Amino acid sequence: MADTASLLPRLRPFDNSQEVYYPVLVPNMRGLENLLKLEDENEKAGRPRLTNEIASFVAASDVSHPPIAKPH
């Protein structure tokens, strides 16, 4: 994820007529913002899109209970 900016431009450009997918995992808002900025820079330079699929994940936790105290 941290090396997305250096990895994606090295991949062969995809063509929508082919069944090739380059999903990019974005674990948080910063990752999504970085990917969108990279795509925007690529588009402005006249290069093809870097990805055709963005994957995200969500983690949930129950915050209604206080944390378990560690034994002394």
N, C-alpha and C. Protein backbone atom coordinates (compact mmCIF):
# COMPACT_ATOMS: atom_id res chain seq x y z
N MET A 1 0.81 -1.17 0.00
CA MET A 1 0.00 0.00 0.00
C MET A 1 0.87 1.25 0.00
N ALA A 2 1.92 1.25 0.75
CA ALA A 2 2.80 2.41 0.77
C ALA A 2 3.54 2.57 -0.55
N ASP A 3 3.74 1.48 -1.27
CA ASP A 3 4.49 1.55 -2.53
C ASP A 3 3.59 1.57 -3.76
N THR A 4 2.31 1.84 -3.57
CA THR A 4 1.37 1.88 -4.68
C THR A 4 1.81 2.85 -5.77
N ALA A 5 2.28 4.02 -5.36
CA ALA A 5 2.67 5.04 -6.34
C ALA A 5 3.84 4.59 -7.22
N SER A 6 4.70 3.74 -6.70
CA SER A 6 5.82 3.27 -7.51
C SER A 6 5.49 1.98 -8.26
N LEU A 7 4.55 1.21 -7.75
CA LEU A 7 4.20 -0.07 -8.37
C LEU A 7 3.23 0.07 -9.54
N LEU A 8 2.15 0.80 -9.35
CA LEU A 8 1.11 0.87 -10.39
C LEU A 8 1.62 1.33 -11.75
N PRO A 9 2.47 2.38 -11.83
CA PRO A 9 2.95 2.78 -13.15
C PRO A 9 3.78 1.73 -13.88
N ARG A 10 4.29 0.75 -13.15
CA ARG A 10 5.10 -0.30 -13.78
C ARG A 10 4.26 -1.42 -14.40
N LEU A 11 3.00 -1.48 -14.03
CA LEU A 11 2.13 -2.52 -14.57
C LEU A 11 1.72 -2.19 -16.00
N ARG A 12 1.45 -3.23 -16.75
CA ARG A 12 0.99 -3.05 -18.12
C ARG A 12 -0.36 -2.35 -18.09
N PRO A 13 -0.55 -1.29 -18.89
CA PRO A 13 -1.85 -0.61 -18.90
C PRO A 13 -2.97 -1.58 -19.25
N PHE A 14 -4.08 -1.45 -18.56
CA PHE A 14 -5.19 -2.35 -18.85
C PHE A 14 -6.09 -1.76 -19.92
N ASP A 15 -6.82 -2.63 -20.56
CA ASP A 15 -7.75 -2.27 -21.61
C ASP A 15 -9.11 -2.82 -21.17
N ASN A 16 -10.13 -1.99 -21.20
CA ASN A 16 -11.44 -2.42 -20.72
C ASN A 16 -12.01 -3.60 -21.49
N SER A 17 -11.48 -3.88 -22.69
CA SER A 17 -11.97 -5.02 -23.45
C SER A 17 -11.39 -6.34 -22.94
N GLN A 18 -10.35 -6.25 -22.12
CA GLN A 18 -9.73 -7.45 -21.55
C GLN A 18 -10.24 -7.65 -20.14
N GLU A 19 -10.20 -8.87 -19.69
CA GLU A 19 -10.61 -9.15 -18.32
C GLU A 19 -9.39 -9.13 -17.41
N VAL A 20 -8.77 -7.96 -17.31
CA VAL A 20 -7.61 -7.76 -16.45
C VAL A 20 -8.01 -6.75 -15.40
N TYR A 21 -7.72 -7.06 -14.14
CA TYR A 21 -8.10 -6.17 -13.05
C TYR A 21 -6.88 -5.87 -12.19
N TYR A 22 -6.74 -4.63 -11.82
CA TYR A 22 -5.68 -4.21 -10.91
C TYR A 22 -6.34 -3.58 -9.68
N PRO A 23 -6.90 -4.40 -8.80
CA PRO A 23 -7.53 -3.81 -7.61
C PRO A 23 -6.47 -3.23 -6.68
N VAL A 24 -6.80 -2.11 -6.09
CA VAL A 24 -5.91 -1.45 -5.14
C VAL A 24 -6.61 -1.41 -3.79
N LEU A 25 -5.94 -1.93 -2.78
CA LEU A 25 -6.49 -1.95 -1.43
C LEU A 25 -6.18 -0.63 -0.74
N VAL A 26 -7.22 0.03 -0.28
CA VAL A 26 -7.05 1.27 0.47
C VAL A 26 -7.61 1.05 1.88
N PRO A 27 -6.74 1.04 2.89
CA PRO A 27 -7.18 0.72 4.24
C PRO A 27 -7.78 1.89 5.00
N ASN A 28 -7.62 3.11 4.46
CA ASN A 28 -8.13 4.26 5.19
C ASN A 28 -8.31 5.43 4.21
N MET A 29 -8.81 6.53 4.73
CA MET A 29 -9.10 7.69 3.90
C MET A 29 -7.83 8.25 3.26
N ARG A 30 -6.73 8.25 4.00
CA ARG A 30 -5.47 8.76 3.45
C ARG A 30 -5.04 7.93 2.24
N GLY A 31 -5.19 6.62 2.32
CA GLY A 31 -4.85 5.76 1.19
C GLY A 31 -5.71 6.05 -0.03
N LEU A 32 -7.00 6.28 0.19
CA LEU A 32 -7.91 6.61 -0.92
C LEU A 32 -7.53 7.96 -1.52
N GLU A 33 -7.26 8.94 -0.68
CA GLU A 33 -6.88 10.26 -1.18
C GLU A 33 -5.58 10.18 -2.00
N ASN A 34 -4.62 9.40 -1.53
CA ASN A 34 -3.36 9.25 -2.26
C ASN A 34 -3.58 8.59 -3.61
N LEU A 35 -4.43 7.56 -3.64
CA LEU A 35 -4.71 6.88 -4.91
C LEU A 35 -5.41 7.82 -5.88
N LEU A 36 -6.40 8.55 -5.41
CA LEU A 36 -7.12 9.47 -6.30
C LEU A 36 -6.20 10.58 -6.81
N LYS A 37 -5.29 11.05 -5.98
CA LYS A 37 -4.33 12.07 -6.41
C LYS A 37 -3.41 11.49 -7.49
N LEU A 38 -2.95 10.26 -7.29
CA LEU A 38 -2.09 9.60 -8.26
C LEU A 38 -2.83 9.42 -9.60
N GLU A 39 -4.09 9.00 -9.53
CA GLU A 39 -4.89 8.84 -10.76
C GLU A 39 -5.06 10.18 -11.47
N ASP A 40 -5.30 11.25 -10.70
CA ASP A 40 -5.47 12.58 -11.27
C ASP A 40 -4.19 13.04 -11.97
N GLU A 41 -3.05 12.84 -11.32
CA GLU A 41 -1.76 13.21 -11.92
C GLU A 41 -1.51 12.43 -13.20
N ASN A 42 -1.87 11.16 -13.18
CA ASN A 42 -1.69 10.30 -14.35
C ASN A 42 -2.56 10.79 -15.51
N GLU A 43 -3.81 11.13 -15.20
CA GLU A 43 -4.73 11.60 -16.24
C GLU A 43 -4.24 12.92 -16.84
N LYS A 44 -3.77 13.84 -15.99
CA LYS A 44 -3.27 15.13 -16.48
C LYS A 44 -2.05 14.97 -17.37
N ALA A 45 -1.27 13.90 -17.14
CA ALA A 45 -0.08 13.63 -17.96
C ALA A 45 -0.43 12.87 -19.24
N GLY A 46 -1.73 12.57 -19.42
CA GLY A 46 -2.16 11.89 -20.64
C GLY A 46 -1.91 10.39 -20.64
N ARG A 47 -1.65 9.84 -19.47
CA ARG A 47 -1.41 8.40 -19.36
C ARG A 47 -2.71 7.68 -19.02
N PRO A 48 -2.79 6.38 -19.31
CA PRO A 48 -4.02 5.63 -19.00
C PRO A 48 -4.22 5.47 -17.50
N ARG A 49 -5.45 5.14 -17.14
CA ARG A 49 -5.76 4.91 -15.73
C ARG A 49 -4.88 3.81 -15.16
N LEU A 50 -4.58 3.91 -13.86
CA LEU A 50 -3.71 2.94 -13.21
C LEU A 50 -4.47 1.76 -12.63
N THR A 51 -5.71 1.99 -12.27
CA THR A 51 -6.50 0.91 -11.68
C THR A 51 -7.94 1.02 -12.16
N ASN A 52 -8.62 -0.08 -12.15
CA ASN A 52 -10.03 -0.08 -12.51
C ASN A 52 -10.88 -0.63 -11.37
N GLU A 53 -10.27 -0.76 -10.20
CA GLU A 53 -11.00 -1.30 -9.07
C GLU A 53 -10.33 -0.85 -7.76
N ILE A 54 -11.13 -0.32 -6.85
CA ILE A 54 -10.63 0.09 -5.53
C ILE A 54 -11.30 -0.78 -4.49
N ALA A 55 -10.50 -1.41 -3.66
CA ALA A 55 -11.02 -2.27 -2.60
C ALA A 55 -10.75 -1.60 -1.25
N SER A 56 -11.73 -1.62 -0.39
CA SER A 56 -11.54 -1.06 0.94
C SER A 56 -12.02 -2.08 1.96
N PHE A 57 -11.61 -1.91 3.17
CA PHE A 57 -12.10 -2.79 4.22
C PHE A 57 -12.46 -1.96 5.43
N VAL A 58 -13.36 -2.50 6.21
CA VAL A 58 -13.85 -1.81 7.39
C VAL A 58 -13.70 -2.75 8.57
N ALA A 59 -13.19 -2.25 9.65
CA ALA A 59 -13.09 -3.03 10.88
C ALA A 59 -14.05 -2.43 11.90
N ALA A 60 -14.73 -3.27 12.58
CA ALA A 60 -15.67 -2.79 13.59
C ALA A 60 -15.26 -3.33 14.96
N SER A 61 -15.51 -2.54 15.96
CA SER A 61 -15.25 -2.99 17.32
C SER A 61 -16.39 -2.51 18.21
N ASP A 62 -16.58 -3.19 19.29
CA ASP A 62 -17.63 -2.84 20.23
C ASP A 62 -17.04 -1.89 21.26
N VAL A 63 -17.38 -0.63 21.16
CA VAL A 63 -16.82 0.36 22.07
C VAL A 63 -17.74 0.64 23.26
N SER A 64 -18.81 -0.12 23.35
CA SER A 64 -19.73 0.11 24.46
C SER A 64 -19.21 -0.49 25.77
N HIS A 65 -18.19 -1.33 25.68
CA HIS A 65 -17.61 -1.94 26.87
C HIS A 65 -16.25 -1.31 27.14
N PRO A 66 -15.92 -1.06 28.39
CA PRO A 66 -14.60 -0.52 28.69
C PRO A 66 -13.52 -1.56 28.40
N PRO A 67 -12.29 -1.14 28.14
CA PRO A 67 -11.22 -2.10 27.87
C PRO A 67 -10.99 -3.01 29.09
N ILE A 68 -10.56 -4.21 28.80
CA ILE A 68 -10.27 -5.16 29.87
C ILE A 68 -8.98 -4.75 30.57
N ALA A 69 -9.04 -4.66 31.87
CA ALA A 69 -7.86 -4.26 32.63
C ALA A 69 -6.82 -5.38 32.62
N LYS A 70 -5.57 -5.00 32.50
CA LYS A 70 -4.48 -5.97 32.53
C LYS A 70 -4.22 -6.37 33.98
N PRO A 71 -3.96 -7.66 34.22
CA PRO A 71 -3.66 -8.07 35.60
C PRO A 71 -2.31 -7.51 36.03
N HIS A 72 -2.18 -7.22 37.30
CA HIS A 72 -0.92 -6.64 37.83
C HIS A 72 0.03 -7.72 38.26
